[in-house]
PDB file of N, CA and C in Angstrom:
ATOM      1  N   MET A   1     -66.081  40.118  -8.812  1.00  0.00           N
ATOM      2  CA  MET A   1     -64.948  39.660  -9.557  1.00  0.00           C
ATOM      3  C   MET A   1     -63.755  39.458  -8.623  1.00  0.00           C
ATOM      4  N   ASP A   2     -63.650  40.306  -7.597  1.00  0.00           N
ATOM      5  CA  ASP A   2     -62.562  40.127  -6.630  1.00  0.00           C
ATOM      6  C   ASP A   2     -62.683  38.787  -5.916  1.00  0.00           C
ATOM      7  N   LEU A   3     -63.887  38.353  -5.671  1.00  0.00           N
ATOM      8  CA  LEU A   3     -64.106  37.078  -4.996  1.00  0.00           C
ATOM      9  C   LEU A   3     -63.617  35.915  -5.870  1.00  0.00           C
ATOM     10  N   CYS A   4     -63.891  35.979  -7.153  1.00  0.00           N
ATOM     11  CA  CYS A   4     -63.531  34.886  -8.062  1.00  0.00           C
ATOM     12  C   CYS A   4     -62.094  34.945  -8.541  1.00  0.00           C
ATOM     13  N   PHE A   5     -61.567  36.135  -8.703  1.00  0.00           N
ATOM     14  CA  PHE A   5     -60.211  36.311  -9.239  1.00  0.00           C
ATOM     15  C   PHE A   5     -59.422  37.294  -8.365  1.00  0.00           C
ATOM     16  N   PRO A   6     -59.176  36.959  -7.100  1.00  0.00           N
ATOM     17  CA  PRO A   6     -58.569  37.914  -6.172  1.00  0.00           C
ATOM     18  C   PRO A   6     -57.140  38.311  -6.534  1.00  0.00           C
ATOM     19  N   GLU A   7     -56.432  37.443  -7.238  1.00  0.00           N
ATOM     20  CA  GLU A   7     -55.040  37.716  -7.569  1.00  0.00           C
ATOM     21  C   GLU A   7     -54.892  38.614  -8.791  1.00  0.00           C
ATOM     22  N   ALA A   8     -55.970  38.835  -9.520  1.00  0.00           N
ATOM     23  CA  ALA A   8     -55.898  39.528 -10.803  1.00  0.00           C
ATOM     24  C   ALA A   8     -56.212  41.016 -10.688  1.00  0.00           C
ATOM     25  N   GLU A   9     -55.599  41.773 -11.569  1.00  0.00           N
ATOM     26  CA  GLU A   9     -55.930  43.193 -11.715  1.00  0.00           C
ATOM     27  C   GLU A   9     -57.323  43.291 -12.342  1.00  0.00           C
ATOM     28  N   VAL A  10     -57.967  44.433 -12.205  1.00  0.00           N
ATOM     29  CA  VAL A  10     -59.331  44.593 -12.703  1.00  0.00           C
ATOM     30  C   VAL A  10     -59.416  44.354 -14.211  1.00  0.00           C
ATOM     31  N   GLU A  11     -58.403  44.752 -14.956  1.00  0.00           N
ATOM     32  CA  GLU A  11     -58.429  44.530 -16.407  1.00  0.00           C
ATOM     33  C   GLU A  11     -58.481  43.031 -16.734  1.00  0.00           C
ATOM     34  N   THR A  12     -57.715  42.240 -16.004  1.00  0.00           N
ATOM     35  CA  THR A  12     -57.715  40.788 -16.205  1.00  0.00           C
ATOM     36  C   THR A  12     -59.043  40.192 -15.755  1.00  0.00           C
ATOM     37  N   GLN A  13     -59.575  40.670 -14.641  1.00  0.00           N
ATOM     38  CA  GLN A  13     -60.872  40.195 -14.166  1.00  0.00           C
ATOM     39  C   GLN A  13     -61.945  40.432 -15.229  1.00  0.00           C
ATOM     40  N   LEU A  14     -61.912  41.586 -15.844  1.00  0.00           N
ATOM     41  CA  LEU A  14     -62.910  41.911 -16.859  1.00  0.00           C
ATOM     42  C   LEU A  14     -62.750  41.050 -18.110  1.00  0.00           C
ATOM     43  N   ARG A  15     -61.542  40.665 -18.456  1.00  0.00           N
ATOM     44  CA  ARG A  15     -61.330  39.787 -19.606  1.00  0.00           C
ATOM     45  C   ARG A  15     -61.839  38.373 -19.326  1.00  0.00           C
ATOM     46  N   ARG A  16     -61.921  37.995 -18.070  1.00  0.00           N
ATOM     47  CA  ARG A  16     -62.387  36.661 -17.687  1.00  0.00           C
ATOM     48  C   ARG A  16     -63.879  36.611 -17.391  1.00  0.00           C
ATOM     49  N   THR A  17     -64.565  37.731 -17.497  1.00  0.00           N
ATOM     50  CA  THR A  17     -65.950  37.836 -17.039  1.00  0.00           C
ATOM     51  C   THR A  17     -66.844  38.406 -18.139  1.00  0.00           C
ATOM     52  N   TRP A  18     -68.005  37.798 -18.299  1.00  0.00           N
ATOM     53  CA  TRP A  18     -69.027  38.330 -19.202  1.00  0.00           C
ATOM     54  C   TRP A  18     -70.232  38.661 -18.330  1.00  0.00           C
ATOM     55  N   ILE A  19     -70.596  39.925 -18.283  1.00  0.00           N
ATOM     56  CA  ILE A  19     -71.718  40.361 -17.451  1.00  0.00           C
ATOM     57  C   ILE A  19     -72.840  40.801 -18.385  1.00  0.00           C
ATOM     58  N   THR A  20     -74.029  40.241 -18.140  1.00  0.00           N
ATOM     59  CA  THR A  20     -75.162  40.576 -18.999  1.00  0.00           C
ATOM     60  C   THR A  20     -76.464  40.434 -18.225  1.00  0.00           C
ATOM     61  N   GLU A  21     -77.534  40.813 -18.852  1.00  0.00           N
ATOM     62  CA  GLU A  21     -78.872  40.654 -18.289  1.00  0.00           C
ATOM     63  C   GLU A  21     -79.343  39.210 -18.488  1.00  0.00           C
ATOM     64  N   SER A  22     -80.366  38.820 -17.751  1.00  0.00           N
ATOM     65  CA  SER A  22     -80.851  37.441 -17.857  1.00  0.00           C
ATOM     66  C   SER A  22     -81.528  37.151 -19.189  1.00  0.00           C
ATOM     67  N   VAL A  23     -82.234  38.094 -19.775  1.00  0.00           N
ATOM     68  CA  VAL A  23     -82.823  37.865 -21.096  1.00  0.00           C
ATOM     69  C   VAL A  23     -82.594  39.026 -22.049  1.00  0.00           C
ATOM     70  N   LEU A  24     -81.940  40.064 -21.607  1.00  0.00           N
ATOM     71  CA  LEU A  24     -81.567  41.194 -22.456  1.00  0.00           C
ATOM     72  C   LEU A  24     -82.746  41.972 -23.024  1.00  0.00           C
ATOM     73  N   CYS A  25     -83.828  42.036 -22.300  1.00  0.00           N
ATOM     74  CA  CYS A  25     -84.959  42.891 -22.628  1.00  0.00           C
ATOM     75  C   CYS A  25     -85.378  43.605 -21.350  1.00  0.00           C
ATOM     76  N   SER A  26     -85.612  44.869 -21.468  1.00  0.00           N
ATOM     77  CA  SER A  26     -85.880  45.677 -20.282  1.00  0.00           C
ATOM     78  C   SER A  26     -87.371  45.827 -20.026  1.00  0.00           C
ATOM     79  N   ALA A  27     -87.662  46.035 -18.764  1.00  0.00           N
ATOM     80  CA  ALA A  27     -89.015  46.394 -18.364  1.00  0.00           C
ATOM     81  C   ALA A  27     -89.226  47.875 -18.677  1.00  0.00           C
ATOM     82  N   ASP A  28     -90.477  48.281 -18.746  1.00  0.00           N
ATOM     83  CA  ASP A  28     -90.776  49.691 -19.004  1.00  0.00           C
ATOM     84  C   ASP A  28     -90.241  50.595 -17.902  1.00  0.00           C
ATOM     85  N   GLU A  29     -90.206  50.067 -16.682  1.00  0.00           N
ATOM     86  CA  GLU A  29     -89.638  50.820 -15.563  1.00  0.00           C
ATOM     87  C   GLU A  29     -88.758  49.889 -14.745  1.00  0.00           C
ATOM     88  N   GLU A  30     -87.766  50.446 -14.073  1.00  0.00           N
ATOM     89  CA  GLU A  30     -86.798  49.646 -13.317  1.00  0.00           C
ATOM     90  C   GLU A  30     -87.494  48.717 -12.335  1.00  0.00           C
ATOM     91  N   GLY A  31     -87.125  47.433 -12.407  1.00  0.00           N
ATOM     92  CA  GLY A  31     -87.707  46.429 -11.519  1.00  0.00           C
ATOM     93  C   GLY A  31     -89.102  46.001 -11.917  1.00  0.00           C
ATOM     94  N   GLY A  32     -89.609  46.527 -13.033  1.00  0.00           N
ATOM     95  CA  GLY A  32     -90.960  46.222 -13.469  1.00  0.00           C
ATOM     96  C   GLY A  32     -91.076  44.869 -14.144  1.00  0.00           C
ATOM     97  N   HIS A  33     -92.273  44.546 -14.535  1.00  0.00           N
ATOM     98  CA  HIS A  33     -92.609  43.254 -15.138  1.00  0.00           C
ATOM     99  C   HIS A  33     -92.199  43.211 -16.611  1.00  0.00           C
ATOM    100  N   VAL A  34     -91.649  42.083 -17.020  1.00  0.00           N
ATOM    101  CA  VAL A  34     -91.390  41.785 -18.426  1.00  0.00           C
ATOM    102  C   VAL A  34     -92.215  40.545 -18.742  1.00  0.00           C
ATOM    103  N   SER A  35     -93.050  40.626 -19.749  1.00  0.00           N
ATOM    104  CA  SER A  35     -93.960  39.519 -20.050  1.00  0.00           C
ATOM    105  C   SER A  35     -93.197  38.253 -20.435  1.00  0.00           C
ATOM    106  N   ALA A  36     -93.823  37.122 -20.230  1.00  0.00           N
ATOM    107  CA  ALA A  36     -93.219  35.835 -20.587  1.00  0.00           C
ATOM    108  C   ALA A  36     -92.930  35.773 -22.079  1.00  0.00           C
ATOM    109  N   LYS A  37     -93.811  36.316 -22.888  1.00  0.00           N
ATOM    110  CA  LYS A  37     -93.619  36.324 -24.344  1.00  0.00           C
ATOM    111  C   LYS A  37     -92.345  37.085 -24.723  1.00  0.00           C
ATOM    112  N   VAL A  38     -92.136  38.231 -24.110  1.00  0.00           N
ATOM    113  CA  VAL A  38     -90.937  39.037 -24.378  1.00  0.00           C
ATOM    114  C   VAL A  38     -89.703  38.315 -23.846  1.00  0.00           C
ATOM    115  N   CYS A  39     -89.791  37.740 -22.664  1.00  0.00           N
ATOM    116  CA  CYS A  39     -88.654  37.001 -22.088  1.00  0.00           C
ATOM    117  C   CYS A  39     -88.241  35.843 -22.983  1.00  0.00           C
ATOM    118  N   ARG A  40     -89.211  35.088 -23.500  1.00  0.00           N
ATOM    119  CA  ARG A  40     -88.895  33.962 -24.394  1.00  0.00           C
ATOM    120  C   ARG A  40     -88.219  34.445 -25.673  1.00  0.00           C
ATOM    121  N   ALA A  41     -88.765  35.472 -26.277  1.00  0.00           N
ATOM    122  CA  ALA A  41     -88.205  35.985 -27.531  1.00  0.00           C
ATOM    123  C   ALA A  41     -86.795  36.517 -27.319  1.00  0.00           C
ATOM    124  N   CYS A  42     -86.597  37.302 -26.283  1.00  0.00           N
ATOM    125  CA  CYS A  42     -85.282  37.892 -26.032  1.00  0.00           C
ATOM    126  C   CYS A  42     -84.276  36.862 -25.536  1.00  0.00           C
ATOM    127  N   GLY A  43     -84.722  35.930 -24.712  1.00  0.00           N
ATOM    128  CA  GLY A  43     -83.821  34.887 -24.231  1.00  0.00           C
ATOM    129  C   GLY A  43     -83.283  34.041 -25.369  1.00  0.00           C
ATOM    130  N   SER A  44     -84.129  33.779 -26.337  1.00  0.00           N
ATOM    131  CA  SER A  44     -83.729  32.979 -27.492  1.00  0.00           C
ATOM    132  C   SER A  44     -82.886  33.784 -28.473  1.00  0.00           C
ATOM    133  N   ARG A  45     -83.304  34.986 -28.755  1.00  0.00           N
ATOM    134  CA  ARG A  45     -82.615  35.816 -29.753  1.00  0.00           C
ATOM    135  C   ARG A  45     -81.272  36.355 -29.274  1.00  0.00           C
ATOM    136  N   TYR A  46     -81.183  36.676 -27.989  1.00  0.00           N
ATOM    137  CA  TYR A  46     -80.012  37.398 -27.525  1.00  0.00           C
ATOM    138  C   TYR A  46     -79.141  36.604 -26.555  1.00  0.00           C
ATOM    139  N   LEU A  47     -79.695  36.234 -25.406  1.00  0.00           N
ATOM    140  CA  LEU A  47     -78.859  35.579 -24.398  1.00  0.00           C
ATOM    141  C   LEU A  47     -78.367  34.214 -24.874  1.00  0.00           C
ATOM    142  N   ARG A  48     -79.243  33.418 -25.443  1.00  0.00           N
ATOM    143  CA  ARG A  48     -78.815  32.096 -25.917  1.00  0.00           C
ATOM    144  C   ARG A  48     -77.658  32.217 -26.915  1.00  0.00           C
ATOM    145  N   ARG A  49     -77.736  33.171 -27.791  1.00  0.00           N
ATOM    146  CA  ARG A  49     -76.680  33.371 -28.789  1.00  0.00           C
ATOM    147  C   ARG A  49     -75.376  33.825 -28.146  1.00  0.00           C
ATOM    148  N   GLN A  50     -75.458  34.647 -27.116  1.00  0.00           N
ATOM    149  CA  GLN A  50     -74.244  35.051 -26.405  1.00  0.00           C
ATOM    150  C   GLN A  50     -73.608  33.846 -25.716  1.00  0.00           C
ATOM    151  N   LEU A  51     -74.406  33.068 -25.029  1.00  0.00           N
ATOM    152  CA  LEU A  51     -73.873  31.911 -24.313  1.00  0.00           C
ATOM    153  C   LEU A  51     -73.231  30.909 -25.263  1.00  0.00           C
ATOM    154  N   ASP A  52     -73.769  30.804 -26.470  1.00  0.00           N
ATOM    155  CA  ASP A  52     -73.215  29.875 -27.454  1.00  0.00           C
ATOM    156  C   ASP A  52     -71.817  30.279 -27.921  1.00  0.00           C
ATOM    157  N   LEU A  53     -71.395  31.495 -27.636  1.00  0.00           N
ATOM    158  CA  LEU A  53     -70.043  31.943 -27.997  1.00  0.00           C
ATOM    159  C   LEU A  53     -68.973  31.297 -27.122  1.00  0.00           C
ATOM    160  N   PHE A  54     -69.375  30.746 -25.974  1.00  0.00           N
ATOM    161  CA  PHE A  54     -68.427  30.187 -25.015  1.00  0.00           C
ATOM    162  C   PHE A  54     -68.491  28.668 -25.028  1.00  0.00           C
ATOM    163  N   SER A  55     -67.334  28.029 -24.876  1.00  0.00           N
ATOM    164  CA  SER A  55     -67.309  26.571 -24.933  1.00  0.00           C
ATOM    165  C   SER A  55     -67.848  25.922 -23.660  1.00  0.00           C
ATOM    166  N   ASP A  56     -67.565  26.464 -22.508  1.00  0.00           N
ATOM    167  CA  ASP A  56     -68.015  25.870 -21.251  1.00  0.00           C
ATOM    168  C   ASP A  56     -68.212  26.966 -20.201  1.00  0.00           C
ATOM    169  N   PRO A  57     -69.224  27.819 -20.395  1.00  0.00           N
ATOM    170  CA  PRO A  57     -69.370  28.952 -19.472  1.00  0.00           C
ATOM    171  C   PRO A  57     -69.873  28.527 -18.096  1.00  0.00           C
ATOM    172  N   VAL A  58     -69.421  29.240 -17.074  1.00  0.00           N
ATOM    173  CA  VAL A  58     -70.010  29.139 -15.746  1.00  0.00           C
ATOM    174  C   VAL A  58     -71.002  30.290 -15.666  1.00  0.00           C
ATOM    175  N   ILE A  59     -72.258  29.948 -15.501  1.00  0.00           N
ATOM    176  CA  ILE A  59     -73.303  30.961 -15.461  1.00  0.00           C
ATOM    177  C   ILE A  59     -73.718  31.166 -14.014  1.00  0.00           C
ATOM    178  N   GLY A  60     -73.562  32.378 -13.538  1.00  0.00           N
ATOM    179  CA  GLY A  60     -74.036  32.746 -12.208  1.00  0.00           C
ATOM    180  C   GLY A  60     -75.274  33.598 -12.365  1.00  0.00           C
ATOM    181  N   ALA A  61     -76.391  33.130 -11.856  1.00  0.00           N
ATOM    182  CA  ALA A  61     -77.649  33.871 -11.947  1.00  0.00           C
ATOM    183  C   ALA A  61     -77.895  34.552 -10.607  1.00  0.00           C
ATOM    184  N   LEU A  62     -77.753  35.868 -10.592  1.00  0.00           N
ATOM    185  CA  LEU A  62     -77.867  36.633  -9.360  1.00  0.00           C
ATOM    186  C   LEU A  62     -79.267  37.223  -9.217  1.00  0.00           C
ATOM    187  N   GLY A  63     -80.015  36.700  -8.275  1.00  0.00           N
ATOM    188  CA  GLY A  63     -81.369  37.177  -7.998  1.00  0.00           C
ATOM    189  C   GLY A  63     -82.432  36.258  -8.565  1.00  0.00           C
ATOM    190  N   ASN A  64     -83.602  36.314  -7.946  1.00  0.00           N
ATOM    191  CA  ASN A  64     -84.715  35.437  -8.328  1.00  0.00           C
ATOM    192  C   ASN A  64     -85.197  35.666  -9.750  1.00  0.00           C
ATOM    193  N   LYS A  65     -85.271  36.941 -10.178  1.00  0.00           N
ATOM    194  CA  LYS A  65     -85.756  37.214 -11.530  1.00  0.00           C
ATOM    195  C   LYS A  65     -84.840  36.569 -12.565  1.00  0.00           C
ATOM    196  N   ALA A  66     -83.543  36.734 -12.401  1.00  0.00           N
ATOM    197  CA  ALA A  66     -82.591  36.147 -13.350  1.00  0.00           C
ATOM    198  C   ALA A  66     -82.723  34.630 -13.365  1.00  0.00           C
ATOM    199  N   GLN A  67     -82.838  34.030 -12.202  1.00  0.00           N
ATOM    200  CA  GLN A  67     -82.945  32.572 -12.115  1.00  0.00           C
ATOM    201  C   GLN A  67     -84.212  32.069 -12.793  1.00  0.00           C
ATOM    202  N   LYS A  68     -85.333  32.704 -12.525  1.00  0.00           N
ATOM    203  CA  LYS A  68     -86.606  32.286 -13.129  1.00  0.00           C
ATOM    204  C   LYS A  68     -86.574  32.474 -14.641  1.00  0.00           C
ATOM    205  N   ARG A  69     -86.028  33.586 -15.096  1.00  0.00           N
ATOM    206  CA  ARG A  69     -85.981  33.836 -16.534  1.00  0.00           C
ATOM    207  C   ARG A  69     -85.086  32.824 -17.238  1.00  0.00           C
ATOM    208  N   LEU A  70     -83.952  32.488 -16.653  1.00  0.00           N
ATOM    209  CA  LEU A  70     -83.083  31.491 -17.273  1.00  0.00           C
ATOM    210  C   LEU A  70     -83.787  30.152 -17.393  1.00  0.00           C
ATOM    211  N   ARG A  71     -84.413  29.706 -16.305  1.00  0.00           N
ATOM    212  CA  ARG A  71     -85.080  28.395 -16.308  1.00  0.00           C
ATOM    213  C   ARG A  71     -86.238  28.339 -17.295  1.00  0.00           C
ATOM    214  N   LYS A  72     -87.017  29.396 -17.358  1.00  0.00           N
ATOM    215  CA  LYS A  72     -88.256  29.356 -18.125  1.00  0.00           C
ATOM    216  C   LYS A  72     -88.122  29.821 -19.573  1.00  0.00           C
ATOM    217  N   HIS A  73     -87.160  30.674 -19.865  1.00  0.00           N
ATOM    218  CA  HIS A  73     -87.226  31.375 -21.147  1.00  0.00           C
ATOM    219  C   HIS A  73     -85.987  31.305 -22.024  1.00  0.00           C
ATOM    220  N   VAL A  74     -84.948  30.622 -21.577  1.00  0.00           N
ATOM    221  CA  VAL A  74     -83.747  30.525 -22.414  1.00  0.00           C
ATOM    222  C   VAL A  74     -83.598  29.083 -22.868  1.00  0.00           C
ATOM    223  N   PRO A  75     -83.697  28.837 -24.161  1.00  0.00           N
ATOM    224  CA  PRO A  75     -83.623  27.460 -24.672  1.00  0.00           C
ATOM    225  C   PRO A  75     -82.333  26.763 -24.236  1.00  0.00           C
ATOM    226  N   GLY A  76     -82.486  25.524 -23.776  1.00  0.00           N
ATOM    227  CA  GLY A  76     -81.334  24.717 -23.405  1.00  0.00           C
ATOM    228  C   GLY A  76     -80.770  24.987 -22.029  1.00  0.00           C
ATOM    229  N   ILE A  77     -81.407  25.850 -21.243  1.00  0.00           N
ATOM    230  CA  ILE A  77     -80.921  26.163 -19.894  1.00  0.00           C
ATOM    231  C   ILE A  77     -81.885  25.573 -18.879  1.00  0.00           C
ATOM    232  N   GLY A  78     -81.347  24.796 -17.953  1.00  0.00           N
ATOM    233  CA  GLY A  78     -82.126  24.252 -16.854  1.00  0.00           C
ATOM    234  C   GLY A  78     -81.460  24.602 -15.538  1.00  0.00           C
ATOM    235  N   ARG A  79     -82.065  24.216 -14.441  1.00  0.00           N
ATOM    236  CA  ARG A  79     -81.563  24.564 -13.112  1.00  0.00           C
ATOM    237  C   ARG A  79     -80.101  24.164 -12.917  1.00  0.00           C
ATOM    238  N   GLY A  80     -79.700  23.010 -13.381  1.00  0.00           N
ATOM    239  CA  GLY A  80     -78.331  22.552 -13.177  1.00  0.00           C
ATOM    240  C   GLY A  80     -77.300  23.232 -14.062  1.00  0.00           C
ATOM    241  N   ASP A  81     -77.755  24.080 -14.982  1.00  0.00           N
ATOM    242  CA  ASP A  81     -76.847  24.730 -15.923  1.00  0.00           C
ATOM    243  C   ASP A  81     -76.294  26.061 -15.418  1.00  0.00           C
ATOM    244  N   PHE A  82     -76.745  26.490 -14.266  1.00  0.00           N
ATOM    245  CA  PHE A  82     -76.231  27.745 -13.704  1.00  0.00           C
ATOM    246  C   PHE A  82     -76.184  27.658 -12.190  1.00  0.00           C
ATOM    247  N   VAL A  83     -75.400  28.540 -11.605  1.00  0.00           N
ATOM    248  CA  VAL A  83     -75.269  28.602 -10.149  1.00  0.00           C
ATOM    249  C   VAL A  83     -76.150  29.743  -9.663  1.00  0.00           C
ATOM    250  N   GLU A  84     -77.015  29.451  -8.714  1.00  0.00           N
ATOM    251  CA  GLU A  84     -77.902  30.467  -8.165  1.00  0.00           C
ATOM    252  C   GLU A  84     -77.189  31.263  -7.083  1.00  0.00           C
ATOM    253  N   GLY A  85     -77.408  32.558  -7.098  1.00  0.00           N
ATOM    254  CA  GLY A  85     -76.871  33.421  -6.053  1.00  0.00           C
ATOM    255  C   GLY A  85     -77.859  34.530  -5.743  1.00  0.00           C
ATOM    256  N   TYR A  86     -77.735  35.066  -4.546  1.00  0.00           N
ATOM    257  CA  TYR A  86     -78.558  36.222  -4.194  1.00  0.00           C
ATOM    258  C   TYR A  86     -78.121  37.417  -5.024  1.00  0.00           C
ATOM    259  N   SER A  87     -79.022  38.338  -5.208  1.00  0.00           N
ATOM    260  CA  SER A  87     -78.697  39.566  -5.912  1.00  0.00           C
ATOM    261  C   SER A  87     -77.576  40.306  -5.183  1.00  0.00           C
ATOM    262  N   VAL A  88     -76.764  41.025  -5.931  1.00  0.00           N
ATOM    263  CA  VAL A  88     -75.708  41.828  -5.310  1.00  0.00           C
ATOM    264  C   VAL A  88     -76.209  43.227  -4.982  1.00  0.00           C
ATOM    265  N   ALA A  89     -77.475  43.502  -5.290  1.00  0.00           N
ATOM    266  CA  ALA A  89     -78.105  44.782  -4.968  1.00  0.00           C
ATOM    267  C   ALA A  89     -79.149  44.555  -3.870  1.00  0.00           C
ATOM    268  N   PRO A  90     -79.450  45.589  -3.082  1.00  0.00           N
ATOM    269  CA  PRO A  90     -80.492  45.456  -2.069  1.00  0.00           C
ATOM    270  C   PRO A  90     -81.838  45.149  -2.708  1.00  0.00           C
ATOM    271  N   PRO A  91     -82.682  44.406  -2.070  1.00  0.00           N
ATOM    272  CA  PRO A  91     -82.511  43.884  -0.726  1.00  0.00           C
ATOM    273  C   PRO A  91     -81.756  42.548  -0.683  1.00  0.00           C
ATOM    274  N   GLY A  92     -81.609  41.857  -1.823  1.00  0.00           N
ATOM    275  CA  GLY A  92     -81.020  40.520  -1.824  1.00  0.00           C
ATOM    276  C   GLY A  92     -79.664  40.422  -1.161  1.00  0.00           C
ATOM    277  N   CYS A  93     -78.817  41.420  -1.381  1.00  0.00           N
ATOM    278  CA  CYS A  93     -77.468  41.354  -0.826  1.00  0.00           C
ATOM    279  C   CYS A  93     -77.448  41.431   0.690  1.00  0.00           C
ATOM    280  N   ASN A  94     -78.550  41.840   1.288  1.00  0.00           N
ATOM    281  CA  ASN A  94     -78.619  41.971   2.744  1.00  0.00           C
ATOM    282  C   ASN A  94     -79.170  40.737   3.440  1.00  0.00           C
ATOM    283  N   PHE A  95     -79.627  39.754   2.689  1.00  0.00           N
ATOM    284  CA  PHE A  95     -80.224  38.564   3.282  1.00  0.00           C
ATOM    285  C   PHE A  95     -79.159  37.620   3.826  1.00  0.00           C
ATOM    286  N   ASP A  96     -79.546  36.865   4.880  1.00  0.00           N
ATOM    287  CA  ASP A  96     -78.670  35.809   5.373  1.00  0.00           C
ATOM    288  C   ASP A  96     -78.429  34.825   4.233  1.00  0.00           C
ATOM    289  N   GLY A  97     -77.211  34.406   4.079  1.00  0.00           N
ATOM    290  CA  GLY A  97     -76.879  33.449   3.036  1.00  0.00           C
ATOM    291  C   GLY A  97     -76.424  34.073   1.734  1.00  0.00           C
ATOM    292  N   ALA A  98     -76.539  35.395   1.597  1.00  0.00           N
ATOM    293  CA  ALA A  98     -76.160  36.048   0.342  1.00  0.00           C
ATOM    294  C   ALA A  98     -74.682  35.829   0.037  1.00  0.00           C
ATOM    295  N   GLU A  99     -73.829  36.129   0.996  1.00  0.00           N
ATOM    296  CA  GLU A  99     -72.391  35.995   0.744  1.00  0.00           C
ATOM    297  C   GLU A  99     -72.010  34.548   0.433  1.00  0.00           C
ATOM    298  N   GLU A 100     -72.598  33.609   1.131  1.00  0.00           N
ATOM    299  CA  GLU A 100     -72.305  32.193   0.862  1.00  0.00           C
ATOM    300  C   GLU A 100     -72.747  31.813  -0.548  1.00  0.00           C
ATOM    301  N   SER A 101     -73.849  32.371  -1.023  1.00  0.00           N
ATOM    302  CA  SER A 101     -74.297  32.057  -2.379  1.00  0.00           C
ATOM    303  C   SER A 101     -73.278  32.548  -3.414  1.00  0.00           C
ATOM    304  N   TRP A 102     -72.655  33.672  -3.160  1.00  0.00           N
ATOM    305  CA  TRP A 102     -71.633  34.189  -4.085  1.00  0.00           C
ATOM    306  C   TRP A 102     -70.389  33.304  -4.049  1.00  0.00           C
ATOM    307  N   HIS A 103     -70.094  32.733  -2.879  1.00  0.00           N
ATOM    308  CA  HIS A 103     -68.967  31.797  -2.775  1.00  0.00           C
ATOM    309  C   HIS A 103     -69.246  30.523  -3.575  1.00  0.00           C
ATOM    310  N   GLY A 104     -70.516  30.149  -3.700  1.00  0.00           N
ATOM    311  CA  GLY A 104     -70.874  29.001  -4.523  1.00  0.00           C
ATOM    312  C   GLY A 104     -70.509  29.240  -5.986  1.00  0.00           C
ATOM    313  N   ILE A 105     -70.713  30.444  -6.454  1.00  0.00           N
ATOM    314  CA  ILE A 105     -70.327  30.795  -7.826  1.00  0.00           C
ATOM    315  C   ILE A 105     -68.814  30.733  -7.952  1.00  0.00           C
ATOM    316  N   LYS A 106     -68.116  31.264  -6.965  1.00  0.00           N
ATOM    317  CA  LYS A 106     -66.645  31.225  -6.976  1.00  0.00           C
ATOM    318  C   LYS A 106     -66.144  29.783  -7.032  1.00  0.00           C
ATOM    319  N   ARG A 107     -66.734  28.912  -6.239  1.00  0.00           N
ATOM    320  CA  ARG A 107     -66.294  27.514  -6.237  1.00  0.00           C
ATOM    321  C   ARG A 107     -66.493  26.868  -7.603  1.00  0.00           C
ATOM    322  N   ARG A 108     -67.613  27.159  -8.247  1.00  0.00           N
ATOM    323  CA  ARG A 108     -67.864  26.586  -9.583  1.00  0.00           C
ATOM    324  C   ARG A 108     -66.839  27.122 -10.592  1.00  0.00           C
ATOM    325  N   ILE A 109     -66.541  28.399 -10.526  1.00  0.00           N
ATOM    326  CA  ILE A 109     -65.547  28.988 -11.441  1.00  0.00           C
ATOM    327  C   ILE A 109     -64.190  28.373 -11.211  1.00  0.00           C
ATOM    328  N   ARG A 110     -63.804  28.248  -9.969  1.00  0.00           N
ATOM    329  CA  ARG A 110     -62.483  27.717  -9.649  1.00  0.00           C
ATOM    330  C   ARG A 110     -62.343  26.232 -10.002  1.00  0.00           C
ATOM    331  N   SER A 111     -63.463  25.496 -10.006  1.00  0.00           N
ATOM    332  CA  SER A 111     -63.387  24.075 -10.322  1.00  0.00           C
ATOM    333  C   SER A 111     -63.494  23.817 -11.828  1.00  0.00           C
ATOM    334  N   ASN A 112     -63.853  24.829 -12.566  1.00  0.00           N
ATOM    335  CA  ASN A 112     -64.070  24.681 -14.010  1.00  0.00           C
ATOM    336  C   ASN A 112     -62.764  24.680 -14.792  1.00  0.00           C
TER     337      ASN A 112
END
């Protein structure tokens, strides 16, 4: 949030940001598999409905799982509808290009 809204206090940053899961259904264990059937049902029932609350959201998908789930399991979402970024948690945050990917999200937010 500091990257996207550096001039703002944390309270203002939080009012400008909606943070959620990619399909809002959890795996049985952290980092575990969520079936395609569950991803489709949850993406449609939960995430799609949340996104519909916003008139023109900038969607930043952090990590491969989030990106794949958005593309495959959330109705009306395609690759061009969100900005891809590396995960902010290890190991993704340690890869070359991670910080630049987060700047891509910042640029989309600032241009919106």
